[in-house]
Amino acid sequence: MYDKVRREERRVGHMRSVAWTAAFLALFSQTAPAQNPPESAYGEALSQAERLFANGDQDGVIRLLGPWVAKDAKLAEAQHGLGLAYYQKPDFPNAIRHLSMAFRLEPENSPAWRQTVGILAMAYYFSNRAQDALPLLEMASAWSTDNTDFQYTLAMAYLATHDRTNARRTFARIFGLQPDSPPAYILAADLMSQEKYVDDSEAMILEALKIRPDLPLISYKLGLIALTRGRFEECAKQMLKELETNPGHSNAWHYLGDAYVKLGKFNEAVVPLQRAIWLNLQSTRSYLLLASVYAQQERYFVAENTLKRVIDMDQRNYEAHFQLARIYHKTNRPELAKKEMAVANELRAAGAGQQ
């Protein structure tokens, strides 16, 4: 789950900068309240928390503010600050716990309350609780119409709850499309397919076809959905249909070859993969798939040259080095096999370290 969260955060690209969070804390530290604890001590704690945030010391914020809410759970500012600190770590369950308290305690529509709404929404979303995130995201999006991060996350939350209509309309708003136009349906379908919501994607495509039956690339898109579902015969059928009118579509040729490979039809896979390469000479994935087909056919010399072509284009391609090591092993060249496998293992280790 953590890897998924990190991917989502990179894609959404917001709410994780220390400066941004410190600015949030500054807003409510300016209004340190006259509550039960001595105002000067509490205000100083909030000011110190702001300085800790500015230095990226979330643990320090938690140690500082934790005792205050332990004594008095109704300290909105401390609950807010703890929620921010836990969100930054990221520790979303604790962020939700403290921000939910701040949400109830802070004056509605105040700057601090609106900030709580936005961050609490994201904490729910990154916790795979899209249903809980939705009402908060809807509020935050309403007063942050220019914030495409909120708009995008709102669309993704609609998608996670299979609310296709609102997902489509929100995506259309982000991309400046008429929400009920065929391009809006196709855009939503593409984004849904990318997220592996293939049933929703297919439904969008079929709705678009009702509006405009002659939409381009429909067979290709349906072929991709079939491939995702593991329906390889259907994928091949749709790709062939696409290529009847769009023979220059290199990706359609690639996925036709891919479908044939998955069906074990290696001889049939060669021609579409070759054509995919001719149409896109930089398509390393087509070279790699074609090399694996040649290896299955025991055409090791051709497979070796194909893999070397990939390495010429991308010296750090793990799969190319790995496949080449296997080719060397199969052709009784153990020293070369050992060398290539060492390179492949090094690249794999480096890649794992970057994730």
Protein backbone atom coordinates (compact mmCIF):
# COMPACT_ATOMS: atom_id res chain seq x y z
CA MET A 1 0.00 0.00 0.00
CA TYR A 2 2.83 2.41 0.83
CA ASP A 3 4.18 2.20 -2.75
CA LYS A 4 0.72 2.98 -4.06
CA VAL A 5 0.49 5.99 -1.76
CA ARG A 6 3.86 7.28 -2.95
CA ARG A 7 2.81 6.89 -6.60
CA GLU A 8 -0.42 8.75 -5.94
CA GLU A 9 1.37 11.52 -4.10
CA ARG A 10 3.85 11.96 -6.95
CA ARG A 11 1.01 12.04 -9.46
CA VAL A 12 -1.17 14.44 -7.50
CA GLY A 13 1.95 16.43 -6.55
CA HIS A 14 0.81 18.49 -3.60
CA MET A 15 0.50 18.96 0.15
CA ARG A 16 3.86 17.55 1.08
CA SER A 17 6.16 20.57 1.08
CA VAL A 18 7.43 21.67 4.45
CA ALA A 19 7.12 25.35 3.55
CA TRP A 20 3.51 24.88 2.50
CA THR A 21 2.69 23.11 5.76
CA ALA A 22 4.51 25.68 7.86
CA ALA A 23 2.44 28.37 6.19
CA PHE A 24 -0.66 26.50 7.30
CA LEU A 25 0.55 26.35 10.85
CA ALA A 26 1.41 30.04 10.75
CA LEU A 27 -2.20 30.91 10.03
CA PHE A 28 -3.57 29.34 13.16
CA SER A 29 -0.58 30.23 15.35
CA GLN A 30 -1.43 33.86 14.68
CA THR A 31 -4.75 33.29 16.41
CA ALA A 32 -3.56 31.42 19.49
CA PRO A 33 -6.68 31.18 21.62
CA ALA A 34 -7.61 32.22 25.08
CA GLN A 35 -8.44 28.72 26.30
CA ASN A 36 -7.82 26.87 29.54
CA PRO A 37 -3.99 26.66 29.33
CA PRO A 38 -2.08 29.89 29.94
CA GLU A 39 -2.26 31.80 26.67
CA SER A 40 1.42 32.68 26.67
CA ALA A 41 2.59 29.10 27.19
CA TYR A 42 0.22 27.68 24.61
CA GLY A 43 0.99 30.43 22.11
CA GLU A 44 4.70 29.82 22.56
CA ALA A 45 4.17 26.09 21.98
CA LEU A 46 2.39 26.84 18.71
CA SER A 47 5.13 29.24 17.63
CA GLN A 48 7.76 26.64 18.44
CA ALA A 49 5.77 24.04 16.50
CA GLU A 50 5.82 26.38 13.51
CA ARG A 51 9.61 26.62 13.73
CA LEU A 52 9.89 22.83 13.95
CA PHE A 53 7.71 22.49 10.85
CA ALA A 54 9.93 24.93 9.00
CA ASN A 55 12.88 22.65 9.79
CA GLY A 56 10.99 19.54 8.70
CA ASP A 57 10.92 18.12 12.25
CA GLN A 58 7.50 16.47 12.35
CA ASP A 59 8.49 14.23 15.27
CA GLY A 60 9.42 17.33 17.23
CA VAL A 61 6.00 18.82 16.54
CA ILE A 62 4.34 15.63 17.74
CA ARG A 63 6.41 15.54 20.94
CA LEU A 64 5.64 19.21 21.58
CA LEU A 65 1.91 19.29 20.88
CA GLY A 66 0.99 15.78 21.98
CA PRO A 67 0.95 16.60 25.72
CA TRP A 68 -1.28 19.62 25.12
CA VAL A 69 -4.07 17.58 23.48
CA ALA A 70 -3.59 14.85 26.07
CA LYS A 71 -4.54 17.45 28.70
CA ASP A 72 -7.26 19.10 26.64
CA ALA A 73 -8.58 17.43 23.47
CA LYS A 74 -10.48 20.60 22.55
CA LEU A 75 -7.37 22.57 21.61
CA ALA A 76 -8.15 23.02 17.93
CA GLU A 77 -4.79 24.49 16.98
CA ALA A 78 -2.81 21.67 18.57
CA GLN A 79 -5.07 19.06 16.97
CA HIS A 80 -4.54 20.80 13.62
CA GLY A 81 -0.77 20.89 14.07
CA LEU A 82 -0.60 17.24 15.08
CA GLY A 83 -2.73 16.31 12.08
CA LEU A 84 -0.33 18.15 9.78
CA ALA A 85 2.70 16.53 11.37
CA TYR A 86 1.30 13.02 11.09
CA TYR A 87 0.22 13.72 7.50
CA GLN A 88 3.76 14.75 6.61
CA LYS A 89 5.33 11.58 8.05
CA PRO A 90 3.06 10.05 6.45
CA ASP A 91 0.94 8.45 9.17
CA PHE A 92 -2.55 8.82 7.79
CA PRO A 93 -4.56 7.07 10.55
CA ASN A 94 -3.19 9.47 13.17
CA ALA A 95 -3.52 12.41 10.77
CA ILE A 96 -7.19 11.53 10.32
CA ARG A 97 -7.70 11.21 14.09
CA HIS A 98 -6.35 14.68 14.88
CA LEU A 99 -7.67 16.47 11.80
CA SER A 100 -11.15 15.07 12.43
CA MET A 101 -11.04 16.69 15.86
CA ALA A 102 -9.81 19.97 14.38
CA PHE A 103 -12.61 19.82 11.80
CA ARG A 104 -15.20 19.71 14.59
CA LEU A 105 -13.50 22.35 16.73
CA GLU A 106 -12.45 25.06 14.25
CA PRO A 107 -14.90 27.77 13.14
CA GLU A 108 -16.58 26.66 9.95
CA ASN A 109 -15.23 28.37 6.81
CA SER A 110 -12.31 29.89 8.72
CA PRO A 111 -8.94 29.62 6.93
CA ALA A 112 -7.75 26.97 9.39
CA TRP A 113 -10.96 24.95 8.98
CA ARG A 114 -10.68 25.04 5.19
CA GLN A 115 -7.10 23.85 5.42
CA THR A 116 -8.19 21.03 7.70
CA VAL A 117 -10.84 20.04 5.19
CA GLY A 118 -8.30 19.83 2.37
CA ILE A 119 -5.68 17.85 4.23
CA LEU A 120 -8.19 15.55 5.91
CA ALA A 121 -9.65 14.81 2.48
CA MET A 122 -6.23 13.82 1.19
CA ALA A 123 -5.50 11.70 4.26
CA TYR A 124 -8.72 9.78 3.67
CA TYR A 125 -7.95 9.44 -0.03
CA PHE A 126 -4.43 8.12 0.52
CA SER A 127 -5.86 5.68 3.07
CA ASN A 128 -8.04 4.16 0.33
CA ARG A 129 -11.13 5.66 1.93
CA ALA A 130 -12.47 7.46 -1.12
CA GLN A 131 -16.05 7.45 0.15
CA ASP A 132 -14.99 9.39 3.26
CA ALA A 133 -12.79 11.70 1.20
CA LEU A 134 -15.47 12.64 -1.32
CA PRO A 135 -17.60 15.14 0.64
CA LEU A 136 -14.48 16.90 1.87
CA LEU A 137 -12.93 16.97 -1.60
CA GLU A 138 -16.16 18.38 -3.00
CA MET A 139 -16.04 21.20 -0.44
CA ALA A 140 -12.35 21.91 -1.01
CA SER A 141 -12.78 21.86 -4.79
CA ALA A 142 -15.67 24.32 -4.58
CA TRP A 143 -13.51 27.02 -3.00
CA SER A 144 -10.33 25.98 -4.85
CA THR A 145 -11.59 25.99 -8.42
CA ASP A 146 -8.14 26.88 -9.75
CA ASN A 147 -6.44 24.08 -7.80
CA THR A 148 -6.20 21.26 -10.32
CA ASP A 149 -4.67 19.00 -7.67
CA PHE A 150 -7.93 18.99 -5.71
CA GLN A 151 -9.96 18.68 -8.90
CA TYR A 152 -7.91 15.71 -10.09
CA THR A 153 -8.09 13.95 -6.72
CA LEU A 154 -11.82 14.55 -6.62
CA ALA A 155 -12.16 12.91 -10.04
CA MET A 156 -10.06 9.96 -8.90
CA ALA A 157 -12.19 9.58 -5.77
CA TYR A 158 -15.32 9.53 -7.92
CA LEU A 159 -13.63 6.89 -10.03
CA ALA A 160 -12.70 4.80 -6.98
CA THR A 161 -16.38 4.77 -6.00
CA HIS A 162 -17.44 3.99 -9.59
CA ASP A 163 -19.32 7.26 -9.95
CA ARG A 164 -18.63 7.43 -13.66
CA THR A 165 -20.81 10.45 -14.34
CA ASN A 166 -19.16 12.75 -11.83
CA ALA A 167 -15.70 11.39 -12.67
CA ARG A 168 -16.28 12.20 -16.36
CA ARG A 169 -17.61 15.67 -15.61
CA THR A 170 -14.71 16.48 -13.30
CA PHE A 171 -12.09 15.23 -15.77
CA ALA A 172 -13.82 17.29 -18.48
CA ARG A 173 -13.66 20.40 -16.30
CA ILE A 174 -9.94 19.89 -15.68
CA PHE A 175 -9.21 19.51 -19.40
CA GLY A 176 -11.60 22.23 -20.56
CA LEU A 177 -14.04 19.93 -22.36
CA GLN A 178 -17.80 19.98 -22.61
CA PRO A 179 -18.81 17.37 -20.01
CA ASP A 180 -21.32 15.56 -22.23
CA SER A 181 -19.25 15.61 -25.41
CA PRO A 182 -17.72 12.48 -26.99
CA PRO A 183 -14.16 13.69 -26.23
CA ALA A 184 -15.10 13.95 -22.55
CA TYR A 185 -16.30 10.34 -22.54
CA ILE A 186 -13.16 9.15 -24.32
CA LEU A 187 -10.85 11.11 -22.03
CA ALA A 188 -12.58 9.60 -19.00
CA ALA A 189 -12.35 6.15 -20.59
CA ASP A 190 -8.62 6.53 -21.13
CA LEU A 191 -8.00 7.63 -17.55
CA MET A 192 -10.23 4.86 -16.20
CA SER A 193 -8.40 2.27 -18.29
CA GLN A 194 -5.07 3.59 -17.06
CA GLU A 195 -6.25 2.98 -13.49
CA LYS A 196 -7.45 -0.53 -14.42
CA TYR A 197 -11.14 0.35 -14.03
CA VAL A 198 -11.81 -1.47 -17.27
CA ASP A 199 -15.56 -1.98 -16.80
CA ASP A 200 -16.03 1.75 -16.24
CA SER A 201 -13.76 2.51 -19.19
CA GLU A 202 -15.69 0.26 -21.51
CA ALA A 203 -18.97 1.81 -20.38
CA MET A 204 -17.62 5.28 -21.22
CA ILE A 205 -16.55 4.15 -24.69
CA LEU A 206 -19.93 2.60 -25.41
CA GLU A 207 -21.68 5.76 -24.26
CA ALA A 208 -19.45 7.83 -26.54
CA LEU A 209 -20.33 5.60 -29.48
CA LYS A 210 -24.01 6.28 -28.92
CA ILE A 211 -23.32 9.96 -29.44
CA ARG A 212 -20.86 9.57 -32.30
CA PRO A 213 -20.58 6.12 -33.91
CA ASP A 214 -17.59 7.05 -36.09
CA LEU A 215 -15.16 7.93 -33.28
CA PRO A 216 -11.55 7.10 -34.14
CA LEU A 217 -9.37 4.59 -32.27
CA ILE A 218 -12.33 2.85 -30.66
CA SER A 219 -11.25 -0.64 -31.72
CA TYR A 220 -7.77 0.05 -30.37
CA LYS A 221 -9.16 1.18 -27.02
CA LEU A 222 -11.47 -1.81 -26.76
CA GLY A 223 -8.53 -4.03 -27.64
CA LEU A 224 -6.53 -2.62 -24.74
CA ILE A 225 -9.43 -3.29 -22.40
CA ALA A 226 -9.64 -6.88 -23.67
CA LEU A 227 -5.90 -7.27 -23.11
CA THR A 228 -6.23 -6.00 -19.54
CA ARG A 229 -9.01 -8.52 -18.94
CA GLY A 230 -6.86 -11.34 -20.30
CA ARG A 231 -9.12 -11.82 -23.32
CA PHE A 232 -6.32 -12.16 -25.82
CA GLU A 233 -8.36 -13.45 -28.76
CA GLU A 234 -10.68 -10.46 -28.40
CA CYS A 235 -7.69 -8.13 -28.15
CA ALA A 236 -6.22 -9.51 -31.38
CA LYS A 237 -9.59 -9.16 -33.11
CA GLN A 238 -9.97 -5.52 -32.06
CA MET A 239 -6.39 -4.62 -33.01
CA LEU A 240 -6.81 -6.18 -36.45
CA LYS A 241 -10.01 -4.18 -36.89
CA GLU A 242 -8.19 -0.98 -35.91
CA LEU A 243 -5.36 -1.70 -38.33
CA GLU A 244 -7.75 -2.10 -41.26
CA THR A 245 -8.26 1.67 -41.27
CA ASN A 246 -5.22 2.79 -39.29
CA PRO A 247 -2.24 0.73 -40.51
CA GLY A 248 0.28 3.28 -39.24
CA HIS A 249 -0.63 2.77 -35.59
CA SER A 250 2.55 1.29 -34.13
CA ASN A 251 0.97 0.59 -30.73
CA ALA A 252 -1.83 -1.39 -32.35
CA TRP A 253 0.76 -3.57 -34.10
CA HIS A 254 2.64 -3.98 -30.82
CA TYR A 255 -0.40 -5.07 -28.85
CA LEU A 256 -1.48 -7.39 -31.65
CA GLY A 257 1.92 -9.05 -31.33
CA ASP A 258 1.56 -9.04 -27.55
CA ALA A 259 -1.81 -10.78 -27.77
CA TYR A 260 -0.36 -13.42 -30.08
CA VAL A 261 2.54 -14.01 -27.67
CA LYS A 262 0.13 -14.45 -24.77
CA LEU A 263 -1.85 -16.91 -26.89
CA GLY A 264 1.35 -18.87 -27.60
CA LYS A 265 1.15 -17.98 -31.31
CA PHE A 266 4.80 -17.04 -31.63
CA ASN A 267 5.02 -17.37 -35.41
CA GLU A 268 2.06 -15.02 -35.86
CA ALA A 269 3.58 -12.52 -33.42
CA VAL A 270 6.72 -11.81 -35.46
CA VAL A 271 5.15 -9.78 -38.29
CA PRO A 272 3.11 -7.34 -36.14
CA LEU A 273 6.08 -6.76 -33.82
CA GLN A 274 8.36 -6.10 -36.77
CA ARG A 275 5.87 -3.59 -38.12
CA ALA A 276 5.55 -1.93 -34.72
CA ILE A 277 9.34 -1.44 -34.77
CA TRP A 278 9.42 -0.15 -38.35
CA LEU A 279 6.82 2.45 -37.39
CA ASN A 280 8.65 3.37 -34.17
CA LEU A 281 12.36 2.60 -34.29
CA GLN A 282 12.76 3.66 -30.64
CA SER A 283 10.20 1.22 -29.28
CA THR A 284 12.35 -0.80 -26.89
CA ARG A 285 9.35 -2.75 -25.61
CA SER A 286 8.61 -4.07 -29.12
CA TYR A 287 12.25 -5.07 -29.57
CA LEU A 288 12.19 -6.86 -26.20
CA LEU A 289 8.99 -8.72 -27.00
CA LEU A 290 10.28 -9.66 -30.44
CA ALA A 291 13.55 -10.91 -28.91
CA SER A 292 11.59 -13.15 -26.56
CA VAL A 293 9.66 -14.52 -29.54
CA TYR A 294 12.89 -15.26 -31.40
CA ALA A 295 14.19 -17.03 -28.29
CA GLN A 296 11.04 -19.16 -28.15
CA GLN A 297 11.66 -20.06 -31.79
CA GLU A 298 15.30 -20.89 -30.88
CA ARG A 299 16.51 -18.20 -33.27
CA TYR A 300 19.12 -17.19 -30.75
CA PHE A 301 21.42 -15.22 -33.06
CA VAL A 302 18.57 -12.95 -34.18
CA ALA A 303 17.34 -12.63 -30.59
CA GLU A 304 20.84 -11.64 -29.46
CA ASN A 305 21.16 -8.92 -32.08
CA THR A 306 17.70 -7.62 -31.24
CA LEU A 307 18.61 -7.33 -27.56
CA LYS A 308 21.88 -5.61 -28.39
CA ARG A 309 19.86 -3.06 -30.34
CA VAL A 310 17.85 -2.36 -27.18
CA ILE A 311 21.02 -1.95 -25.13
CA ASP A 312 22.39 0.46 -27.74
CA MET A 313 19.29 2.59 -27.14
CA ASP A 314 19.14 2.10 -23.38
CA GLN A 315 22.24 0.74 -21.68
CA ARG A 316 20.43 0.54 -18.35
CA ASN A 317 17.57 -1.62 -19.57
CA TYR A 318 17.33 -4.45 -17.03
CA GLU A 319 15.13 -6.70 -19.16
CA ALA A 320 17.47 -6.51 -22.16
CA HIS A 321 20.52 -7.52 -20.09
CA PHE A 322 18.55 -10.25 -18.36
CA GLN A 323 17.28 -11.74 -21.63
CA LEU A 324 20.73 -11.48 -23.19
CA ALA A 325 22.23 -13.38 -20.24
CA ARG A 326 19.74 -16.17 -20.87
CA ILE A 327 20.59 -16.22 -24.57
CA TYR A 328 24.29 -16.56 -23.73
CA HIS A 329 23.46 -19.37 -21.31
CA LYS A 330 21.40 -21.22 -23.90
CA THR A 331 24.17 -20.86 -26.49
CA ASN A 332 26.86 -22.20 -24.11
CA ARG A 333 28.71 -18.95 -23.45
CA PRO A 334 28.84 -19.05 -19.63
CA GLU A 335 31.31 -16.20 -19.10
CA LEU A 336 29.23 -13.79 -21.17
CA ALA A 337 26.09 -15.05 -19.45
CA LYS A 338 27.63 -14.42 -16.03
CA LYS A 339 28.71 -10.92 -17.03
CA GLU A 340 25.30 -9.95 -18.40
CA MET A 341 23.46 -11.38 -15.41
CA ALA A 342 25.70 -9.37 -13.09
CA VAL A 343 24.78 -6.21 -14.99
CA ALA A 344 21.10 -7.15 -14.87
CA ASN A 345 21.23 -7.78 -11.11
CA GLU A 346 23.01 -4.49 -10.55
CA LEU A 347 20.36 -2.62 -12.54
CA ARG A 348 17.55 -4.39 -10.72
CA ALA A 349 19.08 -3.54 -7.33
CA ALA A 350 19.53 0.09 -8.38
CA GLY A 351 15.95 0.23 -9.59
CA ALA A 352 14.64 -1.21 -6.32
CA GLY A 353 16.59 1.39 -4.39
CA GLN A 354 14.95 4.21 -6.35
CA GLN A 355 11.38 3.09 -5.71
